[in-house]
């Protein structure tokens, strides 16, 4: 039996850039799957130690958070947050400001978590157990996403959808596609 740390369903459903809010939610689903892989990686290291499966899982998590997550945050900061800060109710604006601070905290936490993962992904580090500080860096990074995603999907995205015109949504779609090289 293989010890491969699999990421089932890592390929997301076919959500196109013409549906930007659905794409943002699909991205959250990929975030959750990547964070689940991160959790399983930590368990794998405790149970079986460092091996090629652990190294590959670390590379998979790094690839997602290096490439897709920054684009997702940029989508929100360019197209979701500005109209809400300009025209939403005060309670929504307060949540948006906190979400913007979350993005900064996530970036800083990712730097620390990525350093841990890069060590796991590196050939020749077999047998190295995670220190308490390394484990804490990974746990802290993952924890930042839970309330953040809930607030975006439950409050911020619906509020933005109510403010954006069809032309705004088309412009958002076009920009998202162009920044991803899909246009």
N, C-alpha and C. Protein backbone atom coordinates (compact mmCIF):
# COMPACT_ATOMS: atom_id res chain seq x y z
N UNK A 1 0.85 -1.19 0.00
CA UNK A 1 0.00 0.00 0.00
C UNK A 1 0.89 1.24 0.00
N UNK A 2 0.55 2.17 -0.83
CA UNK A 2 1.32 3.40 -0.96
C UNK A 2 1.05 4.33 0.22
N UNK A 3 2.08 5.08 0.59
CA UNK A 3 1.90 6.08 1.65
C UNK A 3 1.70 7.46 1.06
N UNK A 4 1.44 7.52 -0.22
CA UNK A 4 1.28 8.80 -0.91
C UNK A 4 0.26 9.64 -0.17
N UNK A 5 0.58 10.88 0.06
CA UNK A 5 -0.33 11.83 0.70
C UNK A 5 -1.10 12.48 -0.44
N UNK A 6 -2.23 11.92 -0.75
CA UNK A 6 -2.98 12.31 -1.93
C UNK A 6 -3.83 13.53 -1.65
N UNK A 7 -4.04 14.32 -2.66
CA UNK A 7 -4.93 15.47 -2.58
C UNK A 7 -6.08 15.22 -3.53
N UNK A 8 -7.06 14.39 -3.10
CA UNK A 8 -8.16 14.08 -4.00
C UNK A 8 -8.95 15.33 -4.35
N UNK A 9 -9.40 15.36 -5.59
CA UNK A 9 -10.23 16.47 -6.02
C UNK A 9 -9.48 17.78 -6.15
N UNK A 10 -8.14 17.72 -6.27
CA UNK A 10 -7.39 18.97 -6.37
C UNK A 10 -7.77 19.74 -7.62
N UNK A 11 -8.19 19.04 -8.64
CA UNK A 11 -8.69 19.73 -9.83
C UNK A 11 -10.09 20.24 -9.50
N UNK A 12 -10.28 21.50 -9.66
CA UNK A 12 -11.55 22.10 -9.29
C UNK A 12 -12.57 21.90 -10.40
N UNK A 13 -13.84 22.03 -10.06
CA UNK A 13 -14.86 21.94 -11.10
C UNK A 13 -14.63 23.03 -12.13
N UNK A 14 -15.19 22.83 -13.28
CA UNK A 14 -14.99 23.78 -14.38
C UNK A 14 -15.75 25.07 -14.12
N UNK A 15 -15.11 25.96 -13.40
CA UNK A 15 -15.67 27.28 -13.16
C UNK A 15 -14.85 28.23 -13.99
N UNK A 16 -15.52 28.92 -14.89
CA UNK A 16 -14.81 29.81 -15.80
C UNK A 16 -14.67 31.20 -15.24
N UNK A 17 -13.79 31.94 -15.86
CA UNK A 17 -13.55 33.31 -15.44
C UNK A 17 -14.73 34.22 -15.76
N UNK A 18 -15.68 33.73 -16.56
CA UNK A 18 -16.86 34.54 -16.83
C UNK A 18 -17.81 34.57 -15.62
N UNK A 19 -17.53 33.74 -14.63
CA UNK A 19 -18.30 33.71 -13.38
C UNK A 19 -17.34 34.00 -12.22
N UNK A 20 -16.94 35.25 -12.06
CA UNK A 20 -15.85 35.54 -11.12
C UNK A 20 -16.17 35.20 -9.66
N UNK A 21 -17.40 35.38 -9.23
CA UNK A 21 -17.70 35.06 -7.83
C UNK A 21 -17.67 33.56 -7.60
N UNK A 22 -18.15 32.79 -8.58
CA UNK A 22 -18.09 31.35 -8.46
C UNK A 22 -16.63 30.89 -8.47
N UNK A 23 -15.80 31.57 -9.26
CA UNK A 23 -14.38 31.24 -9.29
C UNK A 23 -13.72 31.54 -7.95
N UNK A 24 -14.09 32.64 -7.33
CA UNK A 24 -13.52 32.97 -6.02
C UNK A 24 -13.91 31.93 -4.97
N UNK A 25 -15.14 31.47 -5.02
CA UNK A 25 -15.58 30.43 -4.08
C UNK A 25 -14.86 29.11 -4.38
N UNK A 26 -14.69 28.78 -5.66
CA UNK A 26 -13.95 27.56 -6.02
C UNK A 26 -12.51 27.66 -5.53
N UNK A 27 -11.95 28.85 -5.56
CA UNK A 27 -10.60 29.04 -5.04
C UNK A 27 -10.56 28.76 -3.53
N UNK A 28 -11.60 29.19 -2.83
CA UNK A 28 -11.67 28.89 -1.40
C UNK A 28 -11.71 27.38 -1.16
N UNK A 29 -12.40 26.67 -2.03
CA UNK A 29 -12.44 25.21 -1.90
C UNK A 29 -11.05 24.63 -2.09
N UNK A 30 -10.29 25.17 -3.03
CA UNK A 30 -8.92 24.70 -3.24
C UNK A 30 -8.02 25.09 -2.06
N UNK A 31 -8.26 26.26 -1.48
CA UNK A 31 -7.53 26.64 -0.27
C UNK A 31 -7.78 25.60 0.81
N UNK A 32 -9.05 25.25 1.01
CA UNK A 32 -9.40 24.28 2.06
C UNK A 32 -8.74 22.93 1.79
N UNK A 33 -8.73 22.49 0.53
CA UNK A 33 -8.08 21.21 0.20
C UNK A 33 -6.58 21.30 0.44
N UNK A 34 -5.97 22.42 0.11
CA UNK A 34 -4.53 22.57 0.34
C UNK A 34 -4.22 22.62 1.83
N UNK A 35 -5.07 23.27 2.60
CA UNK A 35 -4.87 23.29 4.05
C UNK A 35 -5.10 21.91 4.66
N UNK A 36 -6.03 21.15 4.09
CA UNK A 36 -6.23 19.77 4.54
C UNK A 36 -4.99 18.94 4.23
N UNK A 37 -4.40 19.13 3.06
CA UNK A 37 -3.17 18.43 2.71
C UNK A 37 -2.06 18.82 3.70
N UNK A 38 -1.99 20.08 4.06
CA UNK A 38 -1.00 20.54 5.03
C UNK A 38 -1.20 19.84 6.37
N UNK A 39 -2.44 19.71 6.80
CA UNK A 39 -2.75 19.01 8.06
C UNK A 39 -2.33 17.54 7.96
N UNK A 40 -2.68 16.89 6.82
CA UNK A 40 -2.33 15.48 6.65
C UNK A 40 -0.82 15.30 6.54
N UNK A 41 -0.14 16.26 5.94
CA UNK A 41 1.31 16.20 5.86
C UNK A 41 1.92 16.19 7.27
N UNK A 42 1.43 17.05 8.13
CA UNK A 42 1.95 17.09 9.50
C UNK A 42 1.72 15.75 10.21
N UNK A 43 0.55 15.18 10.00
CA UNK A 43 0.25 13.87 10.61
C UNK A 43 1.17 12.80 10.02
N UNK A 44 1.38 12.85 8.73
CA UNK A 44 2.26 11.89 8.04
C UNK A 44 3.67 11.98 8.62
N UNK A 45 4.16 13.18 8.83
CA UNK A 45 5.50 13.36 9.40
C UNK A 45 5.59 12.77 10.81
N UNK A 46 4.52 12.93 11.59
CA UNK A 46 4.51 12.35 12.94
C UNK A 46 4.47 10.82 12.89
N UNK A 47 3.65 10.29 11.97
CA UNK A 47 3.44 8.84 11.91
C UNK A 47 4.55 8.10 11.17
N UNK A 48 4.99 8.65 10.06
CA UNK A 48 5.90 7.91 9.18
C UNK A 48 7.24 8.60 8.97
N UNK A 49 7.34 9.85 9.36
CA UNK A 49 8.58 10.57 9.16
C UNK A 49 8.66 11.17 7.76
N UNK A 50 9.80 11.74 7.49
CA UNK A 50 10.03 12.42 6.21
C UNK A 50 10.34 11.38 5.15
N UNK A 51 9.63 11.46 4.04
CA UNK A 51 9.88 10.58 2.90
C UNK A 51 9.50 11.34 1.63
N UNK A 52 9.56 10.67 0.49
CA UNK A 52 9.25 11.35 -0.77
C UNK A 52 7.79 11.80 -0.81
N UNK A 53 6.89 11.04 -0.20
CA UNK A 53 5.49 11.46 -0.17
C UNK A 53 5.33 12.78 0.59
N UNK A 54 6.04 12.90 1.70
CA UNK A 54 6.00 14.15 2.47
C UNK A 54 6.59 15.30 1.65
N UNK A 55 7.69 15.02 0.97
CA UNK A 55 8.32 16.07 0.15
C UNK A 55 7.38 16.52 -0.96
N UNK A 56 6.70 15.58 -1.61
CA UNK A 56 5.79 15.94 -2.69
C UNK A 56 4.60 16.73 -2.16
N UNK A 57 4.07 16.33 -1.02
CA UNK A 57 2.95 17.07 -0.42
C UNK A 57 3.37 18.50 -0.10
N UNK A 58 4.58 18.67 0.43
CA UNK A 58 5.08 20.02 0.74
C UNK A 58 5.18 20.84 -0.54
N UNK A 59 5.68 20.23 -1.61
CA UNK A 59 5.78 20.95 -2.89
C UNK A 59 4.39 21.33 -3.42
N UNK A 60 3.42 20.44 -3.26
CA UNK A 60 2.05 20.73 -3.72
C UNK A 60 1.44 21.91 -2.97
N UNK A 61 1.63 21.94 -1.66
CA UNK A 61 1.09 23.05 -0.87
C UNK A 61 1.79 24.35 -1.26
N UNK A 62 3.10 24.30 -1.43
CA UNK A 62 3.84 25.51 -1.82
C UNK A 62 3.38 26.02 -3.18
N UNK A 63 3.19 25.10 -4.11
CA UNK A 63 2.78 25.51 -5.46
C UNK A 63 1.44 26.26 -5.40
N UNK A 64 0.48 25.75 -4.63
CA UNK A 64 -0.81 26.43 -4.57
C UNK A 64 -0.68 27.82 -3.94
N UNK A 65 -0.05 27.90 -2.78
CA UNK A 65 0.00 29.18 -2.07
C UNK A 65 1.01 30.15 -2.67
N UNK A 66 1.94 29.67 -3.48
CA UNK A 66 2.85 30.57 -4.19
C UNK A 66 2.19 31.19 -5.41
N UNK A 67 1.34 30.43 -6.10
CA UNK A 67 0.80 30.87 -7.38
C UNK A 67 -0.64 31.36 -7.30
N UNK A 68 -1.54 30.52 -6.85
CA UNK A 68 -2.97 30.83 -6.92
C UNK A 68 -3.43 31.79 -5.82
N UNK A 69 -2.98 31.57 -4.61
CA UNK A 69 -3.46 32.41 -3.50
C UNK A 69 -3.17 33.89 -3.70
N UNK A 70 -1.97 34.28 -4.14
CA UNK A 70 -1.74 35.72 -4.36
C UNK A 70 -2.68 36.32 -5.42
N UNK A 71 -2.96 35.57 -6.47
CA UNK A 71 -3.90 36.07 -7.49
C UNK A 71 -5.30 36.25 -6.89
N UNK A 72 -5.70 35.31 -6.07
CA UNK A 72 -7.02 35.39 -5.43
C UNK A 72 -7.11 36.64 -4.55
N UNK A 73 -6.09 36.87 -3.74
CA UNK A 73 -6.11 38.06 -2.87
C UNK A 73 -6.12 39.33 -3.72
N UNK A 74 -5.38 39.32 -4.81
CA UNK A 74 -5.34 40.48 -5.70
C UNK A 74 -6.72 40.71 -6.33
N UNK A 75 -7.41 39.63 -6.72
CA UNK A 75 -8.77 39.75 -7.25
C UNK A 75 -9.65 40.51 -6.27
N UNK A 76 -9.58 40.11 -5.03
CA UNK A 76 -10.43 40.74 -4.00
C UNK A 76 -10.04 42.19 -3.78
N UNK A 77 -8.75 42.46 -3.71
CA UNK A 77 -8.29 43.81 -3.42
C UNK A 77 -8.53 44.77 -4.58
N UNK A 78 -8.60 44.24 -5.79
CA UNK A 78 -8.86 45.10 -6.95
C UNK A 78 -10.35 45.27 -7.25
N UNK A 79 -11.14 44.23 -7.02
CA UNK A 79 -12.51 44.24 -7.53
C UNK A 79 -13.61 44.10 -6.48
N UNK A 80 -13.31 43.52 -5.34
CA UNK A 80 -14.34 43.28 -4.33
C UNK A 80 -14.28 44.35 -3.24
N UNK A 81 -13.11 44.57 -2.69
CA UNK A 81 -13.00 45.47 -1.55
C UNK A 81 -13.25 46.94 -1.88
N UNK A 82 -12.70 47.50 -2.97
CA UNK A 82 -12.90 48.94 -3.21
C UNK A 82 -14.36 49.38 -3.29
N UNK A 83 -15.23 48.68 -4.04
CA UNK A 83 -16.61 49.17 -4.06
C UNK A 83 -17.30 49.06 -2.70
N UNK A 84 -16.91 48.08 -1.92
CA UNK A 84 -17.51 47.94 -0.59
C UNK A 84 -17.02 49.04 0.34
N UNK A 85 -15.75 49.37 0.27
CA UNK A 85 -15.23 50.46 1.11
C UNK A 85 -15.86 51.79 0.73
N UNK A 86 -16.24 51.94 -0.53
CA UNK A 86 -16.82 53.19 -1.00
C UNK A 86 -18.31 53.31 -0.71
N UNK A 87 -19.04 52.18 -0.71
CA UNK A 87 -20.50 52.30 -0.69
C UNK A 87 -21.24 51.34 0.24
N UNK A 88 -20.56 50.45 0.91
CA UNK A 88 -21.26 49.48 1.76
C UNK A 88 -21.59 50.07 3.13
N UNK A 89 -22.40 49.36 3.85
CA UNK A 89 -22.76 49.75 5.22
C UNK A 89 -21.50 49.73 6.11
N UNK A 90 -21.50 50.51 7.18
CA UNK A 90 -20.32 50.60 8.05
C UNK A 90 -19.85 49.23 8.58
N UNK A 91 -20.77 48.34 8.92
CA UNK A 91 -20.34 47.04 9.44
C UNK A 91 -19.62 46.22 8.37
N UNK A 92 -20.06 46.33 7.13
CA UNK A 92 -19.40 45.62 6.02
C UNK A 92 -18.03 46.24 5.78
N UNK A 93 -17.95 47.56 5.80
CA UNK A 93 -16.66 48.22 5.61
C UNK A 93 -15.66 47.79 6.68
N UNK A 94 -16.12 47.63 7.92
CA UNK A 94 -15.23 47.19 9.00
C UNK A 94 -14.70 45.78 8.74
N UNK A 95 -15.56 44.90 8.25
CA UNK A 95 -15.13 43.54 7.92
C UNK A 95 -14.13 43.58 6.77
N UNK A 96 -14.38 44.39 5.77
CA UNK A 96 -13.47 44.49 4.63
C UNK A 96 -12.10 44.98 5.09
N UNK A 97 -12.06 45.96 5.96
CA UNK A 97 -10.77 46.45 6.46
C UNK A 97 -10.03 45.33 7.20
N UNK A 98 -10.75 44.54 7.98
CA UNK A 98 -10.13 43.41 8.68
C UNK A 98 -9.62 42.37 7.69
N UNK A 99 -10.40 42.10 6.63
CA UNK A 99 -9.97 41.14 5.61
C UNK A 99 -8.69 41.61 4.90
N UNK A 100 -8.60 42.91 4.68
CA UNK A 100 -7.38 43.45 4.07
C UNK A 100 -6.19 43.26 5.00
N UNK A 101 -6.40 43.44 6.30
CA UNK A 101 -5.34 43.19 7.28
C UNK A 101 -5.00 41.70 7.30
N UNK A 102 -6.02 40.85 7.15
CA UNK A 102 -5.78 39.41 7.09
C UNK A 102 -4.84 39.07 5.94
N UNK A 103 -5.03 39.69 4.79
CA UNK A 103 -4.17 39.41 3.64
C UNK A 103 -2.71 39.70 3.96
N UNK A 104 -2.48 40.79 4.67
CA UNK A 104 -1.10 41.14 5.06
C UNK A 104 -0.58 40.09 6.05
N UNK A 105 -1.39 39.72 7.01
CA UNK A 105 -0.98 38.70 7.99
C UNK A 105 -0.76 37.34 7.32
N UNK A 106 -1.60 37.01 6.34
CA UNK A 106 -1.44 35.74 5.63
C UNK A 106 -0.13 35.72 4.86
N UNK A 107 0.20 36.83 4.24
CA UNK A 107 1.45 36.90 3.49
C UNK A 107 2.65 36.70 4.41
N UNK A 108 2.62 37.34 5.57
CA UNK A 108 3.73 37.18 6.53
C UNK A 108 3.77 35.75 7.08
N UNK A 109 2.62 35.20 7.40
CA UNK A 109 2.57 33.83 7.92
C UNK A 109 2.99 32.83 6.85
N UNK A 110 2.66 33.11 5.58
CA UNK A 110 3.07 32.23 4.50
C UNK A 110 4.59 32.19 4.37
N UNK A 111 5.24 33.31 4.55
CA UNK A 111 6.71 33.35 4.48
C UNK A 111 7.30 32.35 5.48
N UNK A 112 6.77 32.34 6.68
CA UNK A 112 7.27 31.42 7.71
C UNK A 112 6.88 29.97 7.41
N UNK A 113 5.62 29.76 7.02
CA UNK A 113 5.17 28.40 6.72
C UNK A 113 5.91 27.84 5.51
N UNK A 114 6.13 28.69 4.52
CA UNK A 114 6.82 28.24 3.30
C UNK A 114 8.24 27.80 3.61
N UNK A 115 8.90 28.50 4.51
CA UNK A 115 10.26 28.11 4.89
C UNK A 115 10.26 26.70 5.49
N UNK A 116 9.27 26.39 6.29
CA UNK A 116 9.15 25.04 6.87
C UNK A 116 8.92 24.03 5.75
N UNK A 117 7.98 24.34 4.85
CA UNK A 117 7.66 23.41 3.76
C UNK A 117 8.84 23.23 2.82
N UNK A 118 9.58 24.29 2.55
CA UNK A 118 10.75 24.17 1.68
C UNK A 118 11.76 23.20 2.26
N UNK A 119 11.90 23.20 3.57
CA UNK A 119 12.79 22.25 4.22
C UNK A 119 12.31 20.82 4.07
N UNK A 120 11.01 20.62 4.12
CA UNK A 120 10.43 19.28 3.94
C UNK A 120 10.59 18.84 2.50
N UNK A 121 10.42 19.76 1.57
CA UNK A 121 10.48 19.44 0.14
C UNK A 121 11.90 19.16 -0.34
N UNK A 122 12.88 19.62 0.41
CA UNK A 122 14.28 19.50 0.01
C UNK A 122 14.75 18.06 0.08
N UNK A 123 15.39 17.58 -0.99
CA UNK A 123 15.95 16.22 -0.94
C UNK A 123 17.01 16.11 0.16
N UNK A 124 17.08 14.95 0.76
CA UNK A 124 18.11 14.70 1.75
C UNK A 124 17.77 15.15 3.15
N UNK A 125 16.52 15.53 3.41
CA UNK A 125 16.15 15.93 4.77
C UNK A 125 15.38 14.82 5.48
N UNK A 126 15.48 13.60 4.96
CA UNK A 126 14.75 12.46 5.54
C UNK A 126 15.03 12.34 7.03
N UNK A 127 13.98 12.04 7.75
CA UNK A 127 14.10 11.79 9.18
C UNK A 127 13.97 13.02 10.04
N UNK A 128 14.06 14.19 9.47
CA UNK A 128 13.98 15.41 10.26
C UNK A 128 12.56 15.65 10.73
N UNK A 129 12.37 15.66 12.04
CA UNK A 129 11.05 15.93 12.61
C UNK A 129 10.85 17.44 12.70
N UNK A 130 9.60 17.85 12.69
CA UNK A 130 9.29 19.28 12.83
C UNK A 130 9.49 19.69 14.28
N UNK A 131 10.06 20.86 14.45
CA UNK A 131 10.17 21.42 15.79
C UNK A 131 8.82 22.00 16.19
N UNK A 132 8.68 22.34 17.45
CA UNK A 132 7.45 22.98 17.92
C UNK A 132 7.23 24.31 17.21
N UNK A 133 8.29 25.06 16.97
CA UNK A 133 8.17 26.35 16.28
C UNK A 133 7.74 26.15 14.83
N UNK A 134 8.25 25.13 14.17
CA UNK A 134 7.86 24.85 12.79
C UNK A 134 6.38 24.44 12.72
N UNK A 135 5.99 23.57 13.63
CA UNK A 135 4.58 23.15 13.67
C UNK A 135 3.69 24.35 13.94
N UNK A 136 4.10 25.21 14.85
CA UNK A 136 3.32 26.41 15.17
C UNK A 136 3.18 27.32 13.95
N UNK A 137 4.23 27.45 13.16
CA UNK A 137 4.17 28.29 11.95
C UNK A 137 3.13 27.74 10.98
N UNK A 138 3.09 26.42 10.81
CA UNK A 138 2.11 25.82 9.90
C UNK A 138 0.69 25.96 10.43
N UNK A 139 0.51 25.75 11.72
CA UNK A 139 -0.82 25.85 12.33
C UNK A 139 -1.32 27.28 12.29
N UNK A 140 -0.45 28.23 12.59
CA UNK A 140 -0.82 29.66 12.57
C UNK A 140 -1.27 30.08 11.17
N UNK A 141 -0.52 29.65 10.16
CA UNK A 141 -0.87 29.98 8.79
C UNK A 141 -2.26 29.44 8.44
N UNK A 142 -2.50 28.19 8.71
CA UNK A 142 -3.78 27.57 8.37
C UNK A 142 -4.94 28.24 9.12
N UNK A 143 -4.72 28.59 10.36
CA UNK A 143 -5.79 29.17 11.18
C UNK A 143 -6.28 30.51 10.64
N UNK A 144 -5.42 31.24 9.97
CA UNK A 144 -5.81 32.56 9.44
C UNK A 144 -6.95 32.49 8.43
N UNK A 145 -7.12 31.36 7.79
CA UNK A 145 -8.08 31.25 6.70
C UNK A 145 -9.52 30.97 7.12
N UNK A 146 -9.74 30.39 8.26
CA UNK A 146 -11.08 29.92 8.60
C UNK A 146 -12.12 31.04 8.66
N UNK A 147 -11.95 32.00 9.54
CA UNK A 147 -12.92 33.10 9.65
C UNK A 147 -12.89 33.97 8.41
N UNK A 148 -11.73 34.11 7.82
CA UNK A 148 -11.57 34.93 6.62
C UNK A 148 -12.49 34.43 5.50
N UNK A 149 -12.44 33.15 5.22
CA UNK A 149 -13.27 32.58 4.16
C UNK A 149 -14.75 32.70 4.51
N UNK A 150 -15.10 32.42 5.75
CA UNK A 150 -16.50 32.52 6.18
C UNK A 150 -17.03 33.94 5.99
N UNK A 151 -16.24 34.93 6.34
CA UNK A 151 -16.68 36.33 6.19
C UNK A 151 -16.81 36.72 4.72
N UNK A 152 -15.88 36.26 3.90
CA UNK A 152 -15.96 36.60 2.48
C UNK A 152 -17.20 35.97 1.84
N UNK A 153 -17.39 34.69 2.06
CA UNK A 153 -18.51 34.02 1.40
C UNK A 153 -19.86 34.39 2.01
N UNK A 154 -19.90 34.60 3.31
CA UNK A 154 -21.17 34.86 3.97
C UNK A 154 -21.63 36.31 3.94
N UNK A 155 -20.68 37.24 3.85
CA UNK A 155 -21.04 38.65 3.93
C UNK A 155 -20.49 39.48 2.76
N UNK A 156 -19.20 39.38 2.52
CA UNK A 156 -18.54 40.29 1.60
C UNK A 156 -18.89 40.02 0.15
N UNK A 157 -18.84 38.78 -0.29
CA UNK A 157 -19.17 38.50 -1.69
C UNK A 157 -20.62 38.86 -2.00
N UNK A 158 -21.58 38.47 -1.16
CA UNK A 158 -22.96 38.89 -1.47
C UNK A 158 -23.12 40.41 -1.49
N UNK A 159 -22.46 41.10 -0.57
CA UNK A 159 -22.56 42.57 -0.56
C UNK A 159 -21.96 43.15 -1.83
N UNK A 160 -20.84 42.62 -2.28
CA UNK A 160 -20.21 43.12 -3.51
C UNK A 160 -21.09 42.82 -4.72
N UNK A 161 -21.67 41.64 -4.76
CA UNK A 161 -22.55 41.30 -5.89
C UNK A 161 -23.73 42.26 -5.98
N UNK A 162 -24.20 42.72 -4.84
CA UNK A 162 -25.34 43.64 -4.87
C UNK A 162 -24.94 45.04 -5.35
N UNK A 163 -23.66 45.38 -5.25
CA UNK A 163 -23.18 46.70 -5.66
C UNK A 163 -22.64 46.75 -7.09
N UNK A 164 -22.07 45.65 -7.56
CA UNK A 164 -21.42 45.66 -8.86
C UNK A 164 -22.44 45.58 -9.99
N UNK A 165 -22.21 46.36 -11.02
CA UNK A 165 -23.06 46.31 -12.22
C UNK A 165 -22.60 45.15 -13.10
N UNK A 166 -23.41 44.75 -14.08
CA UNK A 166 -22.95 43.73 -15.03
C UNK A 166 -21.65 44.14 -15.74
N UNK A 167 -21.49 45.42 -16.04
CA UNK A 167 -20.25 45.89 -16.65
C UNK A 167 -19.06 45.73 -15.69
N UNK A 168 -19.29 46.01 -14.41
CA UNK A 168 -18.23 45.81 -13.41
C UNK A 168 -17.80 44.35 -13.37
N UNK A 169 -18.78 43.45 -13.38
CA UNK A 169 -18.49 42.01 -13.31
C UNK A 169 -17.74 41.56 -14.57
N UNK A 170 -18.13 42.06 -15.73
CA UNK A 170 -17.41 41.73 -16.97
C UNK A 170 -15.97 42.23 -16.90
N UNK A 171 -15.77 43.45 -16.42
CA UNK A 171 -14.41 44.00 -16.30
C UNK A 171 -13.59 43.17 -15.30
N UNK A 172 -14.23 42.76 -14.23
CA UNK A 172 -13.57 41.90 -13.25
C UNK A 172 -13.14 40.58 -13.89
N UNK A 173 -14.05 39.98 -14.65
CA UNK A 173 -13.75 38.72 -15.34
C UNK A 173 -12.58 38.88 -16.30
N UNK A 174 -12.62 39.94 -17.07
CA UNK A 174 -11.56 40.18 -18.05
C UNK A 174 -10.21 40.37 -17.35
N UNK A 175 -10.19 41.17 -16.31
CA UNK A 175 -8.95 41.40 -15.58
C UNK A 175 -8.43 40.11 -14.96
N UNK A 176 -9.31 39.32 -14.36
CA UNK A 176 -8.88 38.06 -13.75
C UNK A 176 -8.28 37.14 -14.82
N UNK A 177 -8.90 37.08 -15.97
CA UNK A 177 -8.40 36.23 -17.05
C UNK A 177 -7.04 36.74 -17.54
N UNK A 178 -6.92 38.05 -17.72
CA UNK A 178 -5.66 38.60 -18.22
C UNK A 178 -4.51 38.36 -17.25
N UNK A 179 -4.75 38.56 -15.97
CA UNK A 179 -3.69 38.36 -14.99
C UNK A 179 -3.28 36.88 -14.89
N UNK A 180 -4.13 35.99 -15.32
CA UNK A 180 -3.82 34.56 -15.31
C UNK A 180 -3.35 34.06 -16.67
N UNK A 181 -3.25 34.97 -17.63
CA UNK A 181 -2.79 34.59 -18.95
C UNK A 181 -3.83 33.82 -19.73
N UNK A 182 -5.11 33.93 -19.36
CA UNK A 182 -6.17 33.16 -20.01
C UNK A 182 -6.95 33.97 -21.04
N UNK A 183 -6.66 35.24 -21.16
CA UNK A 183 -7.45 36.06 -22.09
C UNK A 183 -6.75 36.18 -23.43
